[in-house]
Amino acid sequence: MTYVIVHALAPIFVIMLLGFFAGKAKMVDNKNVSLLNIFVMDFALPAALFSATVQTPWLGIVKQSPLIVVLVLAMWITYAAIYFLATKVFKKSPQDAAVLTLTVALPNYAALGLPILGSVLGEGSATSLSVAVSIACGSVLMTPFCLLILEREKARAAGEATGSTLAMLPVLMWRSVTKPIVWGPLLGVVLSALGIRMPDLLLAAIKPLGLSATAAALFLTGVILSTRKLQINTMVCTATLAKLLIQPFIAWGIVLALGLSGPVAITAILMIALAAGFFGVVFGNRFGVQSPDAEAVLLLSSVLSILSLPLFISLTSGL
């Protein structure tokens, strides 16, 4: 099992290392990655998320509702707790806290979901559907929280708004929804619910773009990291612990409260137990927000998940 986990994590580290090397060697301008960021955030990732959601049968999504409930609650609870700690205890700025909390709360479904879940429950349509639903939950129901905060602080810094967050909410929500990274997967979910099937030609046309999404995002993350020094502090250690141990046990508690068992329970816990995702770091860079803590959590949780994932795979074997 350790081999499977290392095998799943290897591409993440190799591609980030290539990005890191490219940045350090000045093959890529690591001080100005706006063009690469636009490609990842406005084209590659939205295409991948749209393809994943629009091809997910609506009835299949409905049948996955227990999984959706566990994932969303575990992510929301973690987001609220880490954001509170970051802003109230560690006195982080709202932008820094938003990037950090999204990094912690949203697991790396895109890169790790299928390899890990497939190795435990077997590869098949049911496993692929669960991973697709997990990705949809994260992109539609989690990323807007981070975007709302980043858009709010951007508007305040520009002097565009001085009112309360509640008064600014309609404008902020509109700005978030108009981002391709949000409306891409959301459109896919809506079309799936309406039973509208996309032409095979269209899906084939955007498939290469979608396939490049994870690799491009990881490469971009490596380039971003090439300008930073890894800093380990109390916030980083707390956030990493929350990601790898506390959040999966939150999911476990929700599973027990709902009386779930079998593949659904195992899937919910293991999906939440994955290492931190790269969305937070990439989002922050798009808004000009640097969060060394988020970057450290991303790297640290990816390394330590080699130890934490076998633990939860073993613990959930009896469910």
C-alpha atoms as a PDB file:
ATOM      1  CA  MET A   1       0.000   0.000   0.000  1.00  0.00           C
ATOM      2  CA  THR A   2       2.879   2.357   0.735  1.00  0.00           C
ATOM      3  CA  TYR A   3       4.109   1.735  -2.801  1.00  0.00           C
ATOM      4  CA  VAL A   4       0.724   2.759  -4.195  1.00  0.00           C
ATOM      5  CA  ILE A   5       0.753   6.002  -2.184  1.00  0.00           C
ATOM      6  CA  VAL A   6       4.333   6.843  -3.164  1.00  0.00           C
ATOM      7  CA  HIS A   7       3.465   6.018  -6.776  1.00  0.00           C
ATOM      8  CA  ALA A   8       0.501   8.426  -6.614  1.00  0.00           C
ATOM      9  CA  LEU A   9       2.547  11.183  -4.981  1.00  0.00           C
ATOM     10  CA  ALA A  10       5.581  10.833  -7.261  1.00  0.00           C
ATOM     11  CA  PRO A  11       4.120  12.822 -10.199  1.00  0.00           C
ATOM     12  CA  ILE A  12       3.182  15.649  -7.831  1.00  0.00           C
ATOM     13  CA  PHE A  13       6.729  16.066  -6.534  1.00  0.00           C
ATOM     14  CA  VAL A  14       8.396  15.495  -9.917  1.00  0.00           C
ATOM     15  CA  ILE A  15       6.263  18.106 -11.713  1.00  0.00           C
ATOM     16  CA  MET A  16       6.563  20.631  -8.875  1.00  0.00           C
ATOM     17  CA  LEU A  17      10.325  20.015  -8.839  1.00  0.00           C
ATOM     18  CA  LEU A  18      10.499  20.698 -12.575  1.00  0.00           C
ATOM     19  CA  GLY A  19       8.623  23.971 -12.026  1.00  0.00           C
ATOM     20  CA  PHE A  20      10.906  24.811  -9.101  1.00  0.00           C
ATOM     21  CA  PHE A  21      14.009  24.125 -11.224  1.00  0.00           C
ATOM     22  CA  ALA A  22      12.626  26.145 -14.139  1.00  0.00           C
ATOM     23  CA  GLY A  23      12.030  29.083 -11.811  1.00  0.00           C
ATOM     24  CA  LYS A  24      15.413  28.877 -10.091  1.00  0.00           C
ATOM     25  CA  ALA A  25      17.246  28.501 -13.412  1.00  0.00           C
ATOM     26  CA  LYS A  26      15.350  31.521 -14.777  1.00  0.00           C
ATOM     27  CA  MET A  27      13.979  29.391 -17.618  1.00  0.00           C
ATOM     28  CA  VAL A  28      10.648  30.819 -16.470  1.00  0.00           C
ATOM     29  CA  ASP A  29      10.251  34.284 -14.977  1.00  0.00           C
ATOM     30  CA  ASN A  30       9.258  33.255 -11.448  1.00  0.00           C
ATOM     31  CA  LYS A  31       8.607  36.868 -10.501  1.00  0.00           C
ATOM     32  CA  ASN A  32       5.876  37.242 -13.123  1.00  0.00           C
ATOM     33  CA  VAL A  33       3.801  34.115 -13.744  1.00  0.00           C
ATOM     34  CA  SER A  34       0.579  35.857 -14.727  1.00  0.00           C
ATOM     35  CA  LEU A  35       0.407  34.273 -18.189  1.00  0.00           C
ATOM     36  CA  LEU A  36       0.868  30.761 -16.819  1.00  0.00           C
ATOM     37  CA  ASN A  37      -1.639  31.543 -14.086  1.00  0.00           C
ATOM     38  CA  ILE A  38      -4.230  32.682 -16.634  1.00  0.00           C
ATOM     39  CA  PHE A  39      -3.750  29.446 -18.586  1.00  0.00           C
ATOM     40  CA  VAL A  40      -4.223  27.316 -15.477  1.00  0.00           C
ATOM     41  CA  MET A  41      -7.052  29.237 -13.782  1.00  0.00           C
ATOM     42  CA  ASP A  42      -9.064  30.411 -16.801  1.00  0.00           C
ATOM     43  CA  PHE A  43      -8.583  27.582 -19.277  1.00  0.00           C
ATOM     44  CA  ALA A  44      -7.001  24.306 -18.154  1.00  0.00           C
ATOM     45  CA  LEU A  45      -8.628  23.763 -14.751  1.00  0.00           C
ATOM     46  CA  PRO A  46     -12.104  25.012 -15.801  1.00  0.00           C
ATOM     47  CA  ALA A  47     -11.984  22.680 -18.825  1.00  0.00           C
ATOM     48  CA  ALA A  48     -11.002  19.721 -16.647  1.00  0.00           C
ATOM     49  CA  LEU A  49     -13.681  20.451 -14.039  1.00  0.00           C
ATOM     50  CA  PHE A  50     -16.365  21.054 -16.677  1.00  0.00           C
ATOM     51  CA  SER A  51     -15.537  17.755 -18.388  1.00  0.00           C
ATOM     52  CA  ALA A  52     -15.612  15.866 -15.092  1.00  0.00           C
ATOM     53  CA  THR A  53     -18.973  17.278 -13.979  1.00  0.00           C
ATOM     54  CA  VAL A  54     -20.858  17.354 -17.288  1.00  0.00           C
ATOM     55  CA  GLN A  55     -20.045  13.692 -17.906  1.00  0.00           C
ATOM     56  CA  THR A  56     -21.185  12.669 -14.434  1.00  0.00           C
ATOM     57  CA  PRO A  57     -24.770  11.321 -14.651  1.00  0.00           C
ATOM     58  CA  TRP A  58     -27.184  13.340 -12.507  1.00  0.00           C
ATOM     59  CA  LEU A  59     -28.712  10.188 -11.016  1.00  0.00           C
ATOM     60  CA  GLY A  60     -25.212   9.099 -10.079  1.00  0.00           C
ATOM     61  CA  ILE A  61     -24.620  12.440  -8.356  1.00  0.00           C
ATOM     62  CA  VAL A  62     -27.919  12.092  -6.455  1.00  0.00           C
ATOM     63  CA  LYS A  63     -26.980   8.579  -5.323  1.00  0.00           C
ATOM     64  CA  GLN A  64     -23.726  10.012  -4.014  1.00  0.00           C
ATOM     65  CA  SER A  65     -25.585  12.451  -1.725  1.00  0.00           C
ATOM     66  CA  PRO A  66     -24.334  10.812   1.528  1.00  0.00           C
ATOM     67  CA  LEU A  67     -20.763  11.209   0.263  1.00  0.00           C
ATOM     68  CA  ILE A  68     -21.472  14.827  -0.694  1.00  0.00           C
ATOM     69  CA  VAL A  69     -22.851  15.617   2.776  1.00  0.00           C
ATOM     70  CA  VAL A  70     -19.783  14.183   4.539  1.00  0.00           C
ATOM     71  CA  LEU A  71     -17.286  15.891   2.239  1.00  0.00           C
ATOM     72  CA  VAL A  72     -18.958  19.293   2.345  1.00  0.00           C
ATOM     73  CA  LEU A  73     -19.444  19.319   6.121  1.00  0.00           C
ATOM     74  CA  ALA A  74     -15.871  18.159   6.778  1.00  0.00           C
ATOM     75  CA  MET A  75     -14.486  20.830   4.432  1.00  0.00           C
ATOM     76  CA  TRP A  76     -16.716  23.628   5.758  1.00  0.00           C
ATOM     77  CA  ILE A  77     -15.978  22.825   9.424  1.00  0.00           C
ATOM     78  CA  THR A  78     -12.239  22.727   8.734  1.00  0.00           C
ATOM     79  CA  TYR A  79     -12.369  25.951   6.719  1.00  0.00           C
ATOM     80  CA  ALA A  80     -14.211  27.823   9.481  1.00  0.00           C
ATOM     81  CA  ALA A  81     -11.893  26.551  12.222  1.00  0.00           C
ATOM     82  CA  ILE A  82      -8.616  27.251  10.393  1.00  0.00           C
ATOM     83  CA  TYR A  83      -9.792  30.674   9.196  1.00  0.00           C
ATOM     84  CA  PHE A  84     -10.695  31.596  12.790  1.00  0.00           C
ATOM     85  CA  LEU A  85      -7.296  30.403  14.072  1.00  0.00           C
ATOM     86  CA  ALA A  86      -5.411  32.163  11.294  1.00  0.00           C
ATOM     87  CA  THR A  87      -7.133  35.528  11.713  1.00  0.00           C
ATOM     88  CA  LYS A  88      -7.900  35.657  15.448  1.00  0.00           C
ATOM     89  CA  VAL A  89      -5.051  33.671  17.015  1.00  0.00           C
ATOM     90  CA  PHE A  90      -2.175  34.001  14.536  1.00  0.00           C
ATOM     91  CA  LYS A  91      -3.276  37.463  13.293  1.00  0.00           C
ATOM     92  CA  LYS A  92      -3.020  36.653   9.595  1.00  0.00           C
ATOM     93  CA  SER A  93      -4.519  39.014   7.037  1.00  0.00           C
ATOM     94  CA  PRO A  94      -7.878  37.901   5.578  1.00  0.00           C
ATOM     95  CA  GLN A  95      -6.250  37.247   2.181  1.00  0.00           C
ATOM     96  CA  ASP A  96      -3.445  35.130   3.655  1.00  0.00           C
ATOM     97  CA  ALA A  97      -5.936  33.278   5.859  1.00  0.00           C
ATOM     98  CA  ALA A  98      -8.261  32.597   2.898  1.00  0.00           C
ATOM     99  CA  VAL A  99      -5.455  31.059   0.841  1.00  0.00           C
ATOM    100  CA  LEU A 100      -4.181  29.015   3.785  1.00  0.00           C
ATOM    101  CA  THR A 101      -7.615  27.717   4.791  1.00  0.00           C
ATOM    102  CA  LEU A 102      -8.522  26.669   1.246  1.00  0.00           C
ATOM    103  CA  THR A 103      -5.202  24.814   1.031  1.00  0.00           C
ATOM    104  CA  VAL A 104      -5.988  22.982   4.279  1.00  0.00           C
ATOM    105  CA  ALA A 105      -9.716  22.395   3.818  1.00  0.00           C
ATOM    106  CA  LEU A 106      -9.734  21.266   0.177  1.00  0.00           C
ATOM    107  CA  PRO A 107      -7.902  17.935  -0.319  1.00  0.00           C
ATOM    108  CA  ASN A 108      -6.020  17.119  -3.503  1.00  0.00           C
ATOM    109  CA  TYR A 109      -8.898  15.192  -5.101  1.00  0.00           C
ATOM    110  CA  ALA A 110      -7.709  15.912  -8.636  1.00  0.00           C
ATOM    111  CA  ALA A 111      -4.243  14.363  -8.391  1.00  0.00           C
ATOM    112  CA  LEU A 112      -4.616  11.769  -5.617  1.00  0.00           C
ATOM    113  CA  GLY A 113      -8.292  10.765  -5.546  1.00  0.00           C
ATOM    114  CA  LEU A 114      -8.357   8.111  -8.278  1.00  0.00           C
ATOM    115  CA  PRO A 115      -4.993   6.424  -7.526  1.00  0.00           C
ATOM    116  CA  ILE A 116      -5.674   6.102  -3.792  1.00  0.00           C
ATOM    117  CA  LEU A 117      -9.358   5.176  -3.984  1.00  0.00           C
ATOM    118  CA  GLY A 118      -8.749   2.825  -6.903  1.00  0.00           C
ATOM    119  CA  SER A 119      -6.084   0.953  -4.964  1.00  0.00           C
ATOM    120  CA  VAL A 120      -8.425   0.436  -1.999  1.00  0.00           C
ATOM    121  CA  LEU A 121     -11.829  -0.157  -3.610  1.00  0.00           C
ATOM    122  CA  GLY A 122     -10.726  -1.156  -7.088  1.00  0.00           C
ATOM    123  CA  GLU A 123     -10.812   0.841 -10.290  1.00  0.00           C
ATOM    124  CA  GLY A 124     -14.171   1.128 -11.991  1.00  0.00           C
ATOM    125  CA  SER A 125     -17.036   3.431 -12.864  1.00  0.00           C
ATOM    126  CA  ALA A 126     -18.172   3.704  -9.230  1.00  0.00           C
ATOM    127  CA  THR A 127     -14.715   4.833  -8.113  1.00  0.00           C
ATOM    128  CA  SER A 128     -14.398   7.323 -10.970  1.00  0.00           C
ATOM    129  CA  LEU A 129     -17.851   8.716 -10.153  1.00  0.00           C
ATOM    130  CA  SER A 130     -16.935   9.201  -6.495  1.00  0.00           C
ATOM    131  CA  VAL A 131     -13.774  11.093  -7.451  1.00  0.00           C
ATOM    132  CA  ALA A 132     -15.679  13.244  -9.964  1.00  0.00           C
ATOM    133  CA  VAL A 133     -18.288  14.089  -7.318  1.00  0.00           C
ATOM    134  CA  SER A 134     -15.524  14.962  -4.832  1.00  0.00           C
ATOM    135  CA  ILE A 135     -13.894  17.313  -7.338  1.00  0.00           C
ATOM    136  CA  ALA A 136     -17.277  18.928  -8.062  1.00  0.00           C
ATOM    137  CA  CYS A 137     -17.949  19.445  -4.337  1.00  0.00           C
ATOM    138  CA  GLY A 138     -14.611  21.148  -3.849  1.00  0.00           C
ATOM    139  CA  SER A 139     -14.792  23.398  -6.889  1.00  0.00           C
ATOM    140  CA  VAL A 140     -18.447  24.428  -6.572  1.00  0.00           C
ATOM    141  CA  LEU A 141     -18.972  24.477  -2.807  1.00  0.00           C
ATOM    142  CA  MET A 142     -15.524  25.366  -1.433  1.00  0.00           C
ATOM    143  CA  THR A 143     -13.543  27.610  -3.764  1.00  0.00           C
ATOM    144  CA  PRO A 144     -16.142  30.435  -3.762  1.00  0.00           C
ATOM    145  CA  PHE A 145     -15.443  31.025  -0.033  1.00  0.00           C
ATOM    146  CA  CYS A 146     -11.817  31.840  -0.823  1.00  0.00           C
ATOM    147  CA  LEU A 147     -12.726  33.874  -3.895  1.00  0.00           C
ATOM    148  CA  LEU A 148     -15.270  35.951  -1.963  1.00  0.00           C
ATOM    149  CA  ILE A 149     -12.668  36.945   0.639  1.00  0.00           C
ATOM    150  CA  LEU A 150     -10.004  37.682  -1.971  1.00  0.00           C
ATOM    151  CA  GLU A 151     -12.445  39.748  -4.052  1.00  0.00           C
ATOM    152  CA  ARG A 152     -13.608  41.625  -0.920  1.00  0.00           C
ATOM    153  CA  GLU A 153     -10.097  42.566   0.133  1.00  0.00           C
ATOM    154  CA  LYS A 154      -9.155  43.487  -3.439  1.00  0.00           C
ATOM    155  CA  ALA A 155     -12.175  45.814  -3.645  1.00  0.00           C
ATOM    156  CA  ARG A 156     -11.369  47.409  -0.285  1.00  0.00           C
ATOM    157  CA  ALA A 157      -7.715  47.918  -1.235  1.00  0.00           C
ATOM    158  CA  ALA A 158      -8.826  49.637  -4.431  1.00  0.00           C
ATOM    159  CA  GLY A 159     -11.249  51.824  -2.477  1.00  0.00           C
ATOM    160  CA  GLU A 160     -14.202  50.412  -4.418  1.00  0.00           C
ATOM    161  CA  ALA A 161     -16.156  49.406  -1.331  1.00  0.00           C
ATOM    162  CA  THR A 162     -16.132  50.450   2.290  1.00  0.00           C
ATOM    163  CA  GLY A 163     -19.368  48.889   3.492  1.00  0.00           C
ATOM    164  CA  SER A 164     -19.913  45.667   5.376  1.00  0.00           C
ATOM    165  CA  THR A 165     -19.262  42.268   3.811  1.00  0.00           C
ATOM    166  CA  LEU A 166     -23.007  41.615   3.799  1.00  0.00           C
ATOM    167  CA  ALA A 167     -23.659  44.782   1.796  1.00  0.00           C
ATOM    168  CA  MET A 168     -20.903  43.850  -0.644  1.00  0.00           C
ATOM    169  CA  LEU A 169     -22.034  40.214  -0.925  1.00  0.00           C
ATOM    170  CA  PRO A 170     -24.103  40.466  -4.161  1.00  0.00           C
ATOM    171  CA  VAL A 171     -21.224  42.116  -6.039  1.00  0.00           C
ATOM    172  CA  LEU A 172     -18.657  39.740  -4.559  1.00  0.00           C
ATOM    173  CA  MET A 173     -20.755  36.694  -5.429  1.00  0.00           C
ATOM    174  CA  TRP A 174     -21.175  37.920  -8.991  1.00  0.00           C
ATOM    175  CA  ARG A 175     -17.426  38.454  -9.354  1.00  0.00           C
ATOM    176  CA  SER A 176     -16.762  34.968  -8.006  1.00  0.00           C
ATOM    177  CA  VAL A 177     -19.362  33.251 -10.174  1.00  0.00           C
ATOM    178  CA  THR A 178     -18.013  34.918 -13.315  1.00  0.00           C
ATOM    179  CA  LYS A 179     -14.621  33.298 -12.730  1.00  0.00           C
ATOM    180  CA  PRO A 180     -14.172  30.315 -15.130  1.00  0.00           C
ATOM    181  CA  ILE A 181     -12.860  28.197 -12.252  1.00  0.00           C
ATOM    182  CA  VAL A 182     -16.321  28.505 -10.621  1.00  0.00           C
ATOM    183  CA  TRP A 183     -18.769  28.618 -13.520  1.00  0.00           C
ATOM    184  CA  GLY A 184     -16.958  25.837 -15.415  1.00  0.00           C
ATOM    185  CA  PRO A 185     -17.821  23.001 -13.010  1.00  0.00           C
ATOM    186  CA  LEU A 186     -21.102  24.692 -12.036  1.00  0.00           C
ATOM    187  CA  LEU A 187     -22.215  24.727 -15.667  1.00  0.00           C
ATOM    188  CA  GLY A 188     -21.297  21.057 -15.916  1.00  0.00           C
ATOM    189  CA  VAL A 189     -23.470  20.223 -12.898  1.00  0.00           C
ATOM    190  CA  VAL A 190     -26.422  22.223 -14.288  1.00  0.00           C
ATOM    191  CA  LEU A 191     -26.212  20.572 -17.710  1.00  0.00           C
ATOM    192  CA  SER A 192     -25.977  17.156 -16.060  1.00  0.00           C
ATOM    193  CA  ALA A 193     -29.077  17.930 -13.966  1.00  0.00           C
ATOM    194  CA  LEU A 194     -30.964  19.008 -17.090  1.00  0.00           C
ATOM    195  CA  GLY A 195     -29.932  15.839 -18.888  1.00  0.00           C
ATOM    196  CA  ILE A 196     -28.165  17.789 -21.647  1.00  0.00           C
ATOM    197  CA  ARG A 197     -25.400  15.719 -23.209  1.00  0.00           C
ATOM    198  CA  MET A 198     -22.448  17.552 -24.674  1.00  0.00           C
ATOM    199  CA  PRO A 199     -21.406  16.627 -28.238  1.00  0.00           C
ATOM    200  CA  ASP A 200     -18.574  14.121 -28.287  1.00  0.00           C
ATOM    201  CA  LEU A 201     -16.674  16.419 -30.629  1.00  0.00           C
ATOM    202  CA  LEU A 202     -16.728  19.244 -28.063  1.00  0.00           C
ATOM    203  CA  LEU A 203     -15.577  16.965 -25.243  1.00  0.00           C
ATOM    204  CA  ALA A 204     -12.818  15.569 -27.457  1.00  0.00           C
ATOM    205  CA  ALA A 205     -11.750  19.106 -28.396  1.00  0.00           C
ATOM    206  CA  ILE A 206     -11.267  20.265 -24.794  1.00  0.00           C
ATOM    207  CA  LYS A 207      -9.928  16.952 -23.481  1.00  0.00           C
ATOM    208  CA  PRO A 208      -6.226  17.798 -24.094  1.00  0.00           C
ATOM    209  CA  LEU A 209      -6.737  21.088 -22.263  1.00  0.00           C
ATOM    210  CA  GLY A 210      -8.283  19.277 -19.320  1.00  0.00           C
ATOM    211  CA  LEU A 211      -5.540  16.656 -19.263  1.00  0.00           C
ATOM    212  CA  SER A 212      -2.941  19.403 -18.927  1.00  0.00           C
ATOM    213  CA  ALA A 213      -4.714  21.016 -15.960  1.00  0.00           C
ATOM    214  CA  THR A 214      -3.187  19.148 -13.037  1.00  0.00           C
ATOM    215  CA  ALA A 215       0.310  19.091 -14.527  1.00  0.00           C
ATOM    216  CA  ALA A 216       0.172  22.799 -15.390  1.00  0.00           C
ATOM    217  CA  ALA A 217      -1.119  23.701 -11.907  1.00  0.00           C
ATOM    218  CA  LEU A 218       1.619  21.657 -10.220  1.00  0.00           C
ATOM    219  CA  PHE A 219       4.288  23.155 -12.502  1.00  0.00           C
ATOM    220  CA  LEU A 220       2.986  26.641 -11.704  1.00  0.00           C
ATOM    221  CA  THR A 221       3.082  25.808  -7.977  1.00  0.00           C
ATOM    222  CA  GLY A 222       6.717  24.749  -8.336  1.00  0.00           C
ATOM    223  CA  VAL A 223       7.572  28.000 -10.113  1.00  0.00           C
ATOM    224  CA  ILE A 224       5.871  29.982  -7.339  1.00  0.00           C
ATOM    225  CA  LEU A 225       7.729  28.018  -4.659  1.00  0.00           C
ATOM    226  CA  SER A 226      11.063  28.741  -6.355  1.00  0.00           C
ATOM    227  CA  THR A 227      10.830  32.340  -5.121  1.00  0.00           C
ATOM    228  CA  ARG A 228      10.186  31.371  -1.494  1.00  0.00           C
ATOM    229  CA  LYS A 229      11.980  29.816   1.452  1.00  0.00           C
ATOM    230  CA  LEU A 230      10.189  27.002   3.241  1.00  0.00           C
ATOM    231  CA  GLN A 231       9.162  28.245   6.690  1.00  0.00           C
ATOM    232  CA  ILE A 232       7.998  25.857   9.394  1.00  0.00           C
ATOM    233  CA  ASN A 233       6.181  27.558  12.276  1.00  0.00           C
ATOM    234  CA  THR A 234       3.353  26.935  14.722  1.00  0.00           C
ATOM    235  CA  MET A 235       0.663  27.890  12.192  1.00  0.00           C
ATOM    236  CA  VAL A 236       2.109  25.528   9.578  1.00  0.00           C
ATOM    237  CA  CYS A 237       2.365  22.643  12.058  1.00  0.00           C
ATOM    238  CA  THR A 238      -1.175  23.242  13.335  1.00  0.00           C
ATOM    239  CA  ALA A 239      -2.605  23.446   9.823  1.00  0.00           C
ATOM    240  CA  THR A 240      -0.756  20.317   8.664  1.00  0.00           C
ATOM    241  CA  LEU A 241      -1.969  18.388  11.710  1.00  0.00           C
ATOM    242  CA  ALA A 242      -5.510  19.581  11.042  1.00  0.00           C
ATOM    243  CA  LYS A 243      -5.288  18.492   7.405  1.00  0.00           C
ATOM    244  CA  LEU A 244      -3.818  15.040   7.905  1.00  0.00           C
ATOM    245  CA  LEU A 245      -5.418  13.928  11.185  1.00  0.00           C
ATOM    246  CA  ILE A 246      -8.158  16.197  12.529  1.00  0.00           C
ATOM    247  CA  GLN A 247     -10.110  16.697   9.285  1.00  0.00           C
ATOM    248  CA  PRO A 248     -10.298  12.936   8.489  1.00  0.00           C
ATOM    249  CA  PHE A 249     -11.551  12.263  12.028  1.00  0.00           C
ATOM    250  CA  ILE A 250     -14.163  15.007  11.565  1.00  0.00           C
ATOM    251  CA  ALA A 251     -15.301  13.134   8.462  1.00  0.00           C
ATOM    252  CA  TRP A 252     -15.288   9.896  10.453  1.00  0.00           C
ATOM    253  CA  GLY A 253     -17.504  11.476  13.101  1.00  0.00           C
ATOM    254  CA  ILE A 254     -19.968  12.642  10.448  1.00  0.00           C
ATOM    255  CA  VAL A 255     -19.952   9.146   8.912  1.00  0.00           C
ATOM    256  CA  LEU A 256     -20.824   7.636  12.296  1.00  0.00           C
ATOM    257  CA  ALA A 257     -23.506  10.278  12.954  1.00  0.00           C
ATOM    258  CA  LEU A 258     -25.158   9.466   9.613  1.00  0.00           C
ATOM    259  CA  GLY A 259     -24.871   5.721  10.175  1.00  0.00           C
ATOM    260  CA  LEU A 260     -22.900   5.157   6.981  1.00  0.00           C
ATOM    261  CA  SER A 261     -20.831   2.065   6.308  1.00  0.00           C
ATOM    262  CA  GLY A 262     -19.194   0.145   3.483  1.00  0.00           C
ATOM    263  CA  PRO A 263     -17.670   1.762   0.375  1.00  0.00           C
ATOM    264  CA  VAL A 264     -19.452   5.105   0.925  1.00  0.00           C
ATOM    265  CA  ALA A 265     -17.976   5.509   4.413  1.00  0.00           C
ATOM    266  CA  ILE A 266     -14.505   4.416   3.282  1.00  0.00           C
ATOM    267  CA  THR A 267     -14.621   6.739   0.278  1.00  0.00           C
ATOM    268  CA  ALA A 268     -15.700   9.753   2.351  1.00  0.00           C
ATOM    269  CA  ILE A 269     -12.958   9.321   4.937  1.00  0.00           C
ATOM    270  CA  LEU A 270     -10.166   8.543   2.489  1.00  0.00           C
ATOM    271  CA  MET A 271     -11.062  11.441   0.198  1.00  0.00           C
ATOM    272  CA  ILE A 272     -10.835  13.852   3.136  1.00  0.00           C
ATOM    273  CA  ALA A 273      -7.612  12.175   4.347  1.00  0.00           C
ATOM    274  CA  LEU A 274      -5.765  13.108   1.140  1.00  0.00           C
ATOM    275  CA  ALA A 275      -2.950  15.662   1.269  1.00  0.00           C
ATOM    276  CA  ALA A 276      -3.627  19.386   0.858  1.00  0.00           C
ATOM    277  CA  GLY A 277      -4.549  20.601  -2.612  1.00  0.00           C
ATOM    278  CA  PHE A 278      -2.859  23.252  -4.738  1.00  0.00           C
ATOM    279  CA  PHE A 279      -5.929  25.426  -5.393  1.00  0.00           C
ATOM    280  CA  GLY A 280      -5.212  27.820  -2.524  1.00  0.00           C
ATOM    281  CA  VAL A 281      -1.648  28.624  -3.615  1.00  0.00           C
ATOM    282  CA  VAL A 282      -2.687  29.085  -7.263  1.00  0.00           C
ATOM    283  CA  PHE A 283      -5.692  31.255  -6.302  1.00  0.00           C
ATOM    284  CA  GLY A 284      -3.532  33.418  -4.071  1.00  0.00           C
ATOM    285  CA  ASN A 285      -0.979  33.991  -6.796  1.00  0.00           C
ATOM    286  CA  ARG A 286      -3.738  35.075  -9.189  1.00  0.00           C
ATOM    287  CA  PHE A 287      -4.730  37.794  -6.708  1.00  0.00           C
ATOM    288  CA  GLY A 288      -1.156  38.738  -5.858  1.00  0.00           C
ATOM    289  CA  VAL A 289      -1.400  37.128  -2.409  1.00  0.00           C
ATOM    290  CA  GLN A 290       1.641  35.261  -1.113  1.00  0.00           C
ATOM    291  CA  SER A 291       1.085  32.776   1.684  1.00  0.00           C
ATOM    292  CA  PRO A 292       4.321  31.056   2.760  1.00  0.00           C
ATOM    293  CA  ASP A 293       2.299  29.094   5.331  1.00  0.00           C
ATOM    294  CA  ALA A 294      -0.022  27.675   2.654  1.00  0.00           C
ATOM    295  CA  GLU A 295       2.965  26.709   0.512  1.00  0.00           C
ATOM    296  CA  ALA A 296       4.646  24.994   3.467  1.00  0.00           C
ATOM    297  CA  VAL A 297       1.448  23.104   4.345  1.00  0.00           C
ATOM    298  CA  LEU A 298       1.106  21.963   0.726  1.00  0.00           C
ATOM    299  CA  LEU A 299       4.620  20.483   0.720  1.00  0.00           C
ATOM    300  CA  LEU A 300       4.608  19.166   4.282  1.00  0.00           C
ATOM    301  CA  SER A 301       1.205  17.463   4.049  1.00  0.00           C
ATOM    302  CA  SER A 302       2.152  15.842   0.735  1.00  0.00           C
ATOM    303  CA  VAL A 303       5.267  14.324   2.310  1.00  0.00           C
ATOM    304  CA  LEU A 304       3.639  13.264   5.589  1.00  0.00           C
ATOM    305  CA  SER A 305       0.586  11.771   3.858  1.00  0.00           C
ATOM    306  CA  ILE A 306       2.873   8.827   3.072  1.00  0.00           C
ATOM    307  CA  LEU A 307       2.441   8.019   6.779  1.00  0.00           C
ATOM    308  CA  SER A 308      -1.121   9.243   7.441  1.00  0.00           C
ATOM    309  CA  LEU A 309      -2.859   7.660   4.449  1.00  0.00           C
ATOM    310  CA  PRO A 310      -1.838   4.044   5.324  1.00  0.00           C
ATOM    311  CA  LEU A 311      -3.127   4.736   8.838  1.00  0.00           C
ATOM    312  CA  PHE A 312      -6.607   5.697   7.622  1.00  0.00           C
ATOM    313  CA  ILE A 313      -6.658   2.970   4.983  1.00  0.00           C
ATOM    314  CA  SER A 314      -5.989   0.475   7.776  1.00  0.00           C
ATOM    315  CA  LEU A 315      -8.511   2.030  10.181  1.00  0.00           C
ATOM    316  CA  THR A 316     -11.315   2.133   7.605  1.00  0.00           C
ATOM    317  CA  SER A 317     -10.831  -1.463   6.432  1.00  0.00           C
ATOM    318  CA  GLY A 318     -13.404  -2.646   8.995  1.00  0.00           C
ATOM    319  CA  LEU A 319     -16.160  -0.188   8.026  1.00  0.00           C
END
